[in-house]
Amino acid sequence: MTGNNATQRMIIRNVRLFDGVADQPQDNVDVLTEGSHVVAVSTSPVAGDASDGVVEIDGKGKFLMPGLSDAHVHLMGNANSMVDFLQGPTGSLYGNTIAEAKRMLLRGFTTVRDMGGDTAPVKGLIDRGVFEGPRIFPSQAMISQTSGHADFAFVYDVPEEFGGKPSRTEDIHFTRIADGVPRVLAAVREQLRMGASQIKLTLGGGAASMYDPLNTLQYTSDEIKAAVQAATDYGTYVATHVYTPAGIARAIDAGVKSIEHGHLADEATIHLIADNQIWLSMQPFAEDDHHYPDPVRAGKNAEICHGTDQVYAWAKKYGVKTAWGTDLLLEPQSAPRQSVMAARLGEFYTNVEALKMLTSGNASLFELAGERNTYRGGKLGVIAEGAWADMILVDGDPIKDISLIADPDANFQLIVKNGQIVKNTL
């Protein structure tokens, strides 16, 4: 992280600390930051005052927690509609993305894993302090087979394999169509060259896509294994969009490390995920999180949502490593639902379990990026010595009432990212 205006020293005094790990918060805690990191967490008063150039903030006994994280965002997709993608100027796409990045930060999301979109340049600008936004783990373009989940070409377009041109969503690096082992290898390496910290493959049907029923199997085992090998050679991993038992089994067999979604899995498949220590990156979808103009895609969305409760229950039963994300896409007006969906996690887990997943839990998944993790100079998702100074002061106790995080404008009184005060209404 190279943000260039971090507060030199700051003390947040007298807070009720949830550190992202412990089940019980600790009262009367002082947190000291220097530059971009936390350097002390103490129940004894930390020395320092304004005469020493220290910024002091009286937490007034309020709830201090690590910044929130989202393991499955589409920053560019969240900020732009399909009409924007197909007809809008490229500059507007990036402008909308940068604006949404700041709004996301003001919702308390200090770290996100982007699962499809040209966000590496945006990440670089944010990390340098040019714009405000969360830390980003970019996947760059979603890689898909022809007629797969990330094929947004028109039905009459000739595939590139047969001499056609890349679609508009490929031109803006939102998607990449690649068929066959050589092209899959090239597509993975292209995203790594562009700054991806992990690779996103689409291995089955989805609600937002036009050509693929949910039960389809996408990419052969050889193609998936090639992608995994290329990512592994770069020190990182492959995450896959997939819902069904057959697709998940194929992904696990090929060496994929993170299943994105999985809402149509059966119990045996969730048990298989647990046995193989694979991550399940789920979203607590409700049908009205997304809106589709045709009955086919609306029907796919309903089917996906109806699997949510059971899959969460099985994941808890078998101790699956579960991450949380939103996957909001192509409806900019729905972007604020990110906060609502974070609070909704409390319908499936205890409040403290949900808060852990939203902080240190997601961070453990992000760490799979290894050397491609540009934030490995500190811990994410925790408030501890040596951690990145990413914190939220909440007016109220989310362990008692997790709905507080659904309204960040009203309830997040202080947001700190990288040691810099982003919001302060104390």
Protein backbone atom coordinates (compact mmCIF):
# COMPACT_ATOMS: atom_id res chain seq x y z
CA MET A 1 0.00 0.00 0.00
CA THR A 2 1.52 3.30 -1.02
CA GLY A 3 -1.12 5.87 -0.02
CA ASN A 4 0.84 9.03 0.66
CA ASN A 5 -1.04 11.13 3.22
CA ALA A 6 -1.59 8.81 6.17
CA THR A 7 -1.93 10.53 9.54
CA GLN A 8 1.42 10.27 11.31
CA ARG A 9 0.05 9.19 14.72
CA MET A 10 -3.53 8.78 15.91
CA ILE A 11 -5.05 7.50 19.13
CA ILE A 12 -8.67 6.36 19.28
CA ARG A 13 -9.39 6.28 22.99
CA ASN A 14 -11.97 4.53 25.13
CA VAL A 15 -13.62 2.18 22.66
CA ARG A 16 -15.41 -1.13 22.92
CA LEU A 17 -13.15 -3.19 20.67
CA PHE A 18 -14.20 -6.05 18.42
CA ASP A 19 -10.88 -7.08 16.92
CA GLY A 20 -12.30 -9.30 14.15
CA VAL A 21 -11.31 -12.53 15.89
CA ALA A 22 -12.49 -12.75 19.52
CA ASP A 23 -16.08 -13.67 20.33
CA GLN A 24 -16.39 -10.99 23.00
CA PRO A 25 -15.53 -7.31 22.57
CA GLN A 26 -13.21 -5.65 25.07
CA ASP A 27 -14.10 -2.42 26.87
CA ASN A 28 -11.96 0.64 27.65
CA VAL A 29 -9.44 0.07 24.87
CA ASP A 30 -7.09 2.58 23.25
CA VAL A 31 -5.86 1.97 19.69
CA LEU A 32 -2.71 3.73 18.45
CA THR A 33 -1.86 4.00 14.76
CA GLU A 34 1.31 5.27 13.15
CA GLY A 35 1.17 5.91 9.45
CA SER A 36 -0.87 3.17 7.83
CA HIS A 37 -0.62 0.54 10.59
CA VAL A 38 -1.91 -0.21 14.06
CA VAL A 39 1.03 -0.20 16.47
CA ALA A 40 -0.66 -0.64 19.86
CA VAL A 41 -3.92 -1.99 21.29
CA SER A 42 -4.13 -1.49 25.04
CA THR A 43 -6.52 -1.41 27.98
CA SER A 44 -4.11 1.02 29.62
CA PRO A 45 -4.12 4.63 28.39
CA VAL A 46 -1.72 5.04 25.48
CA ALA A 47 0.72 7.90 25.93
CA GLY A 48 0.44 10.83 23.57
CA ASP A 49 -1.42 14.07 23.11
CA ALA A 50 -1.92 16.89 20.63
CA SER A 51 1.28 18.62 21.75
CA ASP A 52 3.19 15.62 20.39
CA GLY A 53 1.46 15.94 17.03
CA VAL A 54 -0.89 13.05 17.83
CA VAL A 55 -4.47 13.17 16.57
CA GLU A 56 -6.68 12.12 19.48
CA ILE A 57 -10.23 10.86 19.04
CA ASP A 58 -12.49 10.14 22.00
CA GLY A 59 -14.39 6.97 21.13
CA LYS A 60 -16.80 7.55 24.03
CA GLY A 61 -17.12 3.84 24.72
CA LYS A 62 -18.51 3.15 21.25
CA PHE A 63 -17.97 -0.02 19.20
CA LEU A 64 -14.74 -0.11 17.17
CA MET A 65 -14.35 -2.87 14.58
CA PRO A 66 -12.20 -3.64 11.54
CA GLY A 67 -13.30 -2.27 8.20
CA LEU A 68 -15.81 -4.45 6.35
CA SER A 69 -14.84 -6.51 3.32
CA ASP A 70 -16.73 -7.96 0.36
CA ALA A 71 -15.34 -11.11 -1.26
CA HIS A 72 -17.35 -10.86 -4.48
CA VAL A 73 -17.87 -7.42 -5.97
CA HIS A 74 -17.93 -6.15 -9.52
CA LEU A 75 -16.91 -2.54 -9.01
CA MET A 76 -17.21 -1.68 -12.68
CA GLY A 77 -20.32 -3.83 -13.03
CA ASN A 78 -21.82 -2.36 -9.88
CA ALA A 79 -21.30 1.19 -11.11
CA ASN A 80 -22.55 0.76 -14.70
CA SER A 81 -25.58 -0.74 -16.43
CA MET A 82 -25.51 -3.03 -19.45
CA VAL A 83 -26.50 -0.04 -21.60
CA ASP A 84 -23.45 1.79 -20.21
CA PHE A 85 -21.25 -1.16 -21.11
CA LEU A 86 -22.58 -1.52 -24.63
CA GLN A 87 -23.10 2.13 -25.60
CA GLY A 88 -21.36 4.38 -23.09
CA PRO A 89 -17.98 6.06 -23.56
CA THR A 90 -15.15 4.10 -21.99
CA GLY A 91 -14.12 7.10 -19.89
CA SER A 92 -17.58 7.21 -18.31
CA LEU A 93 -17.27 3.56 -17.30
CA TYR A 94 -14.11 4.28 -15.34
CA GLY A 95 -15.46 7.54 -13.94
CA ASN A 96 -18.55 5.75 -12.62
CA THR A 97 -16.33 3.02 -11.17
CA ILE A 98 -14.14 5.50 -9.30
CA ALA A 99 -17.20 7.29 -7.93
CA GLU A 100 -18.71 4.00 -6.73
CA ALA A 101 -15.39 3.05 -5.10
CA LYS A 102 -15.65 6.09 -2.84
CA ARG A 103 -19.29 5.37 -2.02
CA MET A 104 -18.32 1.81 -1.15
CA LEU A 105 -15.62 3.07 1.20
CA LEU A 106 -18.14 5.39 2.87
CA ARG A 107 -20.33 2.33 3.46
CA GLY A 108 -17.42 1.02 5.55
CA PHE A 109 -15.99 -1.44 3.02
CA THR A 110 -12.25 -0.94 3.24
CA THR A 111 -11.27 -4.08 1.26
CA VAL A 112 -12.99 -5.84 -1.65
CA ARG A 113 -12.17 -8.71 -3.98
CA ASP A 114 -13.30 -7.75 -7.47
CA MET A 115 -14.49 -10.77 -9.45
CA GLY A 116 -14.67 -9.33 -12.94
CA GLY A 117 -13.78 -5.97 -14.41
CA ASP A 118 -10.80 -3.81 -15.31
CA THR A 119 -10.15 -2.60 -11.77
CA ALA A 120 -6.35 -2.95 -11.54
CA PRO A 121 -5.90 0.64 -12.84
CA VAL A 122 -8.48 1.90 -10.32
CA LYS A 123 -6.73 -0.02 -7.56
CA GLY A 124 -3.44 1.63 -8.49
CA LEU A 125 -4.94 5.12 -8.34
CA ILE A 126 -6.55 4.42 -4.96
CA ASP A 127 -3.38 2.87 -3.53
CA ARG A 128 -1.40 5.94 -4.58
CA GLY A 129 -3.91 8.21 -2.88
CA VAL A 130 -5.18 9.83 -6.08
CA PHE A 131 -8.77 8.75 -5.37
CA GLU A 132 -10.56 7.37 -2.31
CA GLY A 133 -11.83 3.81 -2.29
CA PRO A 134 -11.33 0.38 -0.77
CA ARG A 135 -8.30 -1.84 -1.18
CA ILE A 136 -8.96 -3.98 -4.25
CA PHE A 137 -7.98 -7.56 -5.08
CA PRO A 138 -8.66 -7.48 -8.85
CA SER A 139 -9.43 -10.55 -10.97
CA GLN A 140 -9.55 -8.48 -14.14
CA ALA A 141 -11.69 -9.99 -16.90
CA MET A 142 -13.97 -12.92 -16.14
CA ILE A 143 -12.80 -15.79 -18.36
CA SER A 144 -15.56 -17.72 -20.10
CA GLN A 145 -16.11 -20.19 -22.89
CA THR A 146 -18.20 -19.22 -25.90
CA SER A 147 -21.88 -19.35 -24.82
CA GLY A 148 -20.73 -19.34 -21.19
CA HIS A 149 -21.76 -17.15 -18.29
CA ALA A 150 -19.48 -14.26 -19.28
CA ASP A 151 -20.28 -14.33 -23.00
CA PHE A 152 -22.04 -11.00 -23.54
CA ALA A 153 -21.70 -11.02 -27.32
CA PHE A 154 -24.87 -10.72 -29.34
CA VAL A 155 -26.28 -14.04 -30.50
CA TYR A 156 -25.59 -13.16 -34.16
CA ASP A 157 -21.93 -12.21 -33.55
CA VAL A 158 -19.36 -14.58 -35.04
CA PRO A 159 -17.07 -16.05 -32.33
CA GLU A 160 -13.47 -14.88 -32.50
CA GLU A 161 -12.42 -18.50 -33.03
CA PHE A 162 -14.16 -18.35 -36.42
CA GLY A 163 -12.79 -14.97 -37.42
CA GLY A 164 -15.14 -12.68 -35.55
CA LYS A 165 -14.19 -9.73 -33.39
CA PRO A 166 -14.12 -9.56 -29.58
CA SER A 167 -17.34 -8.27 -28.01
CA ARG A 168 -17.62 -4.84 -26.40
CA THR A 169 -17.31 -6.33 -22.90
CA GLU A 170 -14.02 -7.91 -24.00
CA ASP A 171 -12.79 -4.62 -25.41
CA ILE A 172 -13.25 -3.00 -21.99
CA HIS A 173 -11.67 -6.01 -20.19
CA PHE A 174 -14.83 -6.96 -18.33
CA THR A 175 -14.84 -10.43 -19.90
CA ARG A 176 -12.53 -12.63 -21.97
CA ILE A 177 -13.81 -15.47 -24.15
CA ALA A 178 -11.31 -18.32 -24.47
CA ASP A 179 -11.96 -21.80 -25.88
CA GLY A 180 -9.44 -24.63 -25.72
CA VAL A 181 -6.36 -25.08 -23.57
CA PRO A 182 -4.03 -22.72 -25.48
CA ARG A 183 -6.51 -19.82 -25.39
CA VAL A 184 -7.38 -20.44 -21.74
CA LEU A 185 -3.70 -20.32 -20.86
CA ALA A 186 -3.30 -17.09 -22.81
CA ALA A 187 -6.39 -15.58 -21.15
CA VAL A 188 -5.17 -16.39 -17.64
CA ARG A 189 -1.72 -15.02 -18.36
CA GLU A 190 -3.26 -11.91 -19.89
CA GLN A 191 -5.15 -11.14 -16.66
CA LEU A 192 -2.01 -11.74 -14.59
CA ARG A 193 -0.09 -9.40 -16.87
CA MET A 194 -2.74 -6.75 -16.29
CA GLY A 195 -2.47 -7.00 -12.50
CA ALA A 196 -4.91 -9.71 -11.40
CA SER A 197 -4.35 -10.97 -7.88
CA GLN A 198 -6.46 -14.09 -8.58
CA ILE A 199 -8.21 -15.57 -11.61
CA LYS A 200 -11.97 -15.83 -12.17
CA LEU A 201 -13.36 -18.59 -14.40
CA THR A 202 -17.05 -19.16 -15.17
CA LEU A 203 -17.87 -22.88 -15.05
CA GLY A 204 -21.66 -22.96 -15.23
CA GLY A 205 -24.84 -21.09 -16.02
CA GLY A 206 -25.89 -17.87 -14.31
CA ALA A 207 -28.87 -15.58 -13.92
CA ALA A 208 -27.39 -12.52 -15.63
CA SER A 209 -26.27 -14.34 -18.78
CA MET A 210 -28.45 -15.03 -21.79
CA TYR A 211 -27.26 -18.29 -23.34
CA ASP A 212 -26.59 -20.71 -20.49
CA PRO A 213 -29.16 -22.67 -18.47
CA LEU A 214 -28.07 -23.16 -14.87
CA ASN A 215 -27.41 -26.87 -15.32
CA THR A 216 -24.78 -26.41 -18.03
CA LEU A 217 -21.20 -27.55 -17.47
CA GLN A 218 -18.74 -25.02 -18.85
CA TYR A 219 -15.08 -25.70 -19.58
CA THR A 220 -13.63 -29.16 -19.80
CA SER A 221 -11.46 -30.57 -17.04
CA ASP A 222 -8.36 -30.03 -19.18
CA GLU A 223 -9.22 -26.36 -19.72
CA ILE A 224 -9.81 -25.76 -16.00
CA LYS A 225 -6.61 -27.60 -15.04
CA ALA A 226 -4.68 -25.45 -17.50
CA ALA A 227 -6.04 -22.29 -15.86
CA VAL A 228 -5.18 -23.61 -12.40
CA GLN A 229 -1.64 -24.48 -13.51
CA ALA A 230 -1.07 -21.02 -14.99
CA ALA A 231 -2.38 -19.31 -11.85
CA THR A 232 -0.39 -21.60 -9.54
CA ASP A 233 2.78 -20.89 -11.51
CA TYR A 234 2.18 -17.22 -10.74
CA GLY A 235 1.71 -17.95 -7.04
CA THR A 236 -2.04 -17.44 -6.92
CA TYR A 237 -5.31 -19.34 -7.38
CA VAL A 238 -8.49 -19.77 -9.44
CA ALA A 239 -11.99 -18.89 -8.21
CA THR A 240 -14.96 -20.16 -10.18
CA HIS A 241 -18.53 -19.02 -10.80
CA VAL A 242 -20.51 -22.26 -10.45
CA TYR A 243 -23.78 -23.36 -8.83
CA THR A 244 -24.37 -27.07 -9.43
CA PRO A 245 -22.99 -30.26 -7.86
CA ALA A 246 -21.48 -31.49 -11.15
CA GLY A 247 -19.79 -28.16 -11.84
CA ILE A 248 -18.44 -27.86 -8.30
CA ALA A 249 -17.07 -31.41 -8.39
CA ARG A 250 -15.29 -30.72 -11.68
CA ALA A 251 -13.83 -27.51 -10.26
CA ILE A 252 -12.52 -29.23 -7.13
CA ASP A 253 -11.01 -32.07 -9.16
CA ALA A 254 -9.15 -29.51 -11.28
CA GLY A 255 -7.62 -27.75 -8.26
CA VAL A 256 -9.83 -24.68 -7.92
CA LYS A 257 -9.51 -23.03 -4.48
CA SER A 258 -12.70 -20.96 -4.23
CA ILE A 259 -16.25 -21.79 -5.27
CA GLU A 260 -18.17 -18.60 -6.00
CA HIS A 261 -21.90 -19.04 -5.29
CA GLY A 262 -22.73 -22.76 -5.02
CA HIS A 263 -26.39 -22.11 -4.24
CA LEU A 264 -27.64 -25.24 -6.04
CA ALA A 265 -25.26 -27.64 -4.32
CA ASP A 266 -26.55 -30.73 -2.52
CA GLU A 267 -25.39 -31.91 0.89
CA ALA A 268 -22.85 -34.37 -0.48
CA THR A 269 -21.23 -31.59 -2.52
CA ILE A 270 -20.95 -29.28 0.49
CA HIS A 271 -19.37 -32.17 2.39
CA LEU A 272 -16.93 -32.58 -0.51
CA ILE A 273 -16.03 -28.88 -0.33
CA ALA A 274 -15.30 -29.27 3.39
CA ASP A 275 -13.23 -32.42 2.92
CA ASN A 276 -11.05 -30.66 0.33
CA GLN A 277 -10.66 -27.47 2.40
CA ILE A 278 -12.04 -25.39 -0.49
CA TRP A 279 -13.49 -21.95 0.14
CA LEU A 280 -17.19 -21.37 -0.46
CA SER A 281 -17.73 -17.70 -1.34
CA MET A 282 -21.49 -17.31 -0.87
CA GLN A 283 -23.96 -14.48 -1.22
CA PRO A 284 -27.17 -14.28 0.88
CA PHE A 285 -29.31 -13.54 -2.16
CA ALA A 286 -32.93 -12.44 -2.05
CA GLU A 287 -34.94 -12.37 -5.27
CA ASP A 288 -35.29 -8.60 -5.31
CA ASP A 289 -31.53 -8.02 -5.12
CA HIS A 290 -31.52 -8.32 -8.92
CA HIS A 291 -34.14 -7.55 -11.54
CA TYR A 292 -34.30 -9.16 -14.97
CA PRO A 293 -36.44 -8.05 -17.93
CA ASP A 294 -37.29 -11.55 -19.20
CA PRO A 295 -38.91 -14.58 -17.53
CA VAL A 296 -36.00 -16.94 -18.29
CA ARG A 297 -33.40 -14.97 -16.37
CA ALA A 298 -35.90 -14.07 -13.65
CA GLY A 299 -36.62 -17.78 -13.27
CA LYS A 300 -32.92 -18.61 -12.98
CA ASN A 301 -32.56 -15.92 -10.32
CA ALA A 302 -35.45 -17.37 -8.30
CA GLU A 303 -33.99 -20.88 -8.45
CA ILE A 304 -30.62 -19.65 -7.23
CA CYS A 305 -32.12 -17.69 -4.35
CA HIS A 306 -34.21 -20.62 -3.14
CA GLY A 307 -31.07 -22.67 -2.52
CA THR A 308 -29.47 -20.16 -0.16
CA ASP A 309 -30.87 -21.28 3.21
CA GLN A 310 -30.05 -24.96 2.79
CA VAL A 311 -26.51 -24.42 1.52
CA TYR A 312 -25.66 -22.13 4.43
CA ALA A 313 -27.03 -24.75 6.84
CA TRP A 314 -24.90 -27.51 5.31
CA ALA A 315 -21.83 -25.24 5.24
CA LYS A 316 -22.22 -24.68 8.99
CA LYS A 317 -22.83 -28.40 9.59
CA TYR A 318 -19.59 -29.44 7.88
CA GLY A 319 -17.43 -26.51 8.91
CA VAL A 320 -16.85 -25.19 5.40
CA LYS A 321 -14.56 -22.18 5.09
CA THR A 322 -17.23 -19.69 4.04
CA ALA A 323 -16.68 -16.16 2.78
CA TRP A 324 -19.30 -13.46 2.19
CA GLY A 325 -19.93 -11.31 -0.86
CA THR A 326 -22.64 -9.50 -2.78
CA ASP A 327 -22.26 -10.02 -6.56
CA LEU A 328 -24.46 -7.01 -7.32
CA LEU A 329 -24.21 -6.34 -11.03
CA LEU A 330 -25.45 -4.04 -13.80
CA GLU A 331 -27.95 -2.14 -11.63
CA PRO A 332 -26.15 0.91 -10.22
CA GLN A 333 -29.23 1.97 -8.29
CA SER A 334 -28.94 -1.24 -6.24
CA ALA A 335 -25.33 -0.68 -5.14
CA PRO A 336 -26.31 0.48 -1.61
CA ARG A 337 -27.87 -2.95 -1.04
CA GLN A 338 -24.31 -4.06 -0.25
CA SER A 339 -24.87 -2.86 3.33
CA VAL A 340 -28.29 -4.52 3.55
CA MET A 341 -26.85 -7.83 2.32
CA ALA A 342 -24.05 -7.61 4.90
CA ALA A 343 -26.62 -7.28 7.68
CA ARG A 344 -28.67 -10.10 6.12
CA LEU A 345 -25.83 -12.49 6.91
CA GLY A 346 -27.17 -12.39 10.47
CA GLU A 347 -30.18 -14.43 9.29
CA PHE A 348 -27.90 -17.44 8.76
CA TYR A 349 -25.21 -16.99 11.44
CA THR A 350 -24.96 -15.50 14.89
CA ASN A 351 -24.12 -11.81 14.77
CA VAL A 352 -20.55 -12.35 15.94
CA GLU A 353 -20.05 -15.15 13.39
CA ALA A 354 -21.32 -12.80 10.70
CA LEU A 355 -19.01 -9.98 11.80
CA LYS A 356 -16.03 -12.34 11.79
CA MET A 357 -16.86 -13.43 8.25
CA LEU A 358 -17.19 -9.81 7.14
CA THR A 359 -13.73 -9.01 8.53
CA SER A 360 -11.06 -11.60 9.37
CA GLY A 361 -12.86 -14.45 7.59
CA ASN A 362 -12.90 -12.83 4.17
CA ALA A 363 -9.33 -11.64 4.75
CA SER A 364 -8.16 -15.25 5.09
CA LEU A 365 -9.52 -15.98 1.63
CA PHE A 366 -7.84 -12.89 0.19
CA GLU A 367 -4.50 -14.13 1.50
CA LEU A 368 -4.60 -17.05 -0.97
CA ALA A 369 -3.30 -14.54 -3.52
CA GLY A 370 0.14 -15.00 -1.97
CA GLU A 371 2.78 -12.90 -3.70
CA ARG A 372 0.07 -11.32 -5.85
CA ASN A 373 -1.38 -9.79 -2.67
CA THR A 374 0.03 -6.28 -2.72
CA TYR A 375 -1.25 -5.68 0.83
CA ARG A 376 0.79 -8.42 2.48
CA GLY A 377 2.71 -5.77 4.45
CA GLY A 378 0.04 -5.97 7.16
CA LYS A 379 -2.92 -8.05 8.32
CA LEU A 380 -6.36 -7.29 6.93
CA GLY A 381 -9.66 -7.76 8.74
CA VAL A 382 -8.31 -7.39 12.28
CA ILE A 383 -7.39 -4.67 14.76
CA ALA A 384 -4.07 -5.80 16.20
CA GLU A 385 -0.46 -4.70 16.32
CA GLY A 386 0.95 -4.72 12.80
CA ALA A 387 -2.43 -4.74 11.08
CA TRP A 388 -3.47 -2.20 8.47
CA ALA A 389 -5.25 0.71 10.16
CA ASP A 390 -8.70 0.08 8.64
CA MET A 391 -11.44 0.65 11.23
CA ILE A 392 -15.05 1.67 11.79
CA LEU A 393 -16.54 3.26 14.93
CA VAL A 394 -20.20 2.27 15.20
CA ASP A 395 -22.89 4.11 17.13
CA GLY A 396 -24.35 1.00 18.76
CA ASP A 397 -23.32 -2.64 19.16
CA PRO A 398 -23.61 -4.78 15.98
CA ILE A 399 -23.05 -7.93 18.04
CA LYS A 400 -26.40 -7.19 19.68
CA ASP A 401 -28.02 -5.67 16.59
CA ILE A 402 -26.34 -6.44 13.28
CA SER A 403 -28.92 -4.35 11.40
CA LEU A 404 -26.83 -1.32 12.40
CA ILE A 405 -24.43 -2.04 9.54
CA ALA A 406 -27.29 -1.81 7.03
CA ASP A 407 -27.37 1.97 7.53
CA PRO A 408 -23.76 3.18 7.47
CA ASP A 409 -24.71 6.82 6.88
CA ALA A 410 -26.46 6.96 10.24
CA ASN A 411 -24.44 4.49 12.29
CA PHE A 412 -20.80 4.65 11.15
CA GLN A 413 -19.45 7.73 12.91
CA LEU A 414 -15.78 7.20 12.12
CA ILE A 415 -14.21 5.40 9.15
CA VAL A 416 -10.44 5.03 8.96
CA LYS A 417 -8.61 3.43 6.07
CA ASN A 418 -4.83 3.10 5.84
CA GLY A 419 -4.48 5.36 8.88
CA GLN A 420 -6.44 8.16 7.19
CA ILE A 421 -9.74 9.49 8.46
CA VAL A 422 -12.31 9.01 5.72
CA LYS A 423 -15.34 10.06 7.75
CA ASN A 424 -15.71 11.58 11.21
CA THR A 425 -19.09 12.74 12.56
CA LEU A 426 -18.30 12.34 16.26
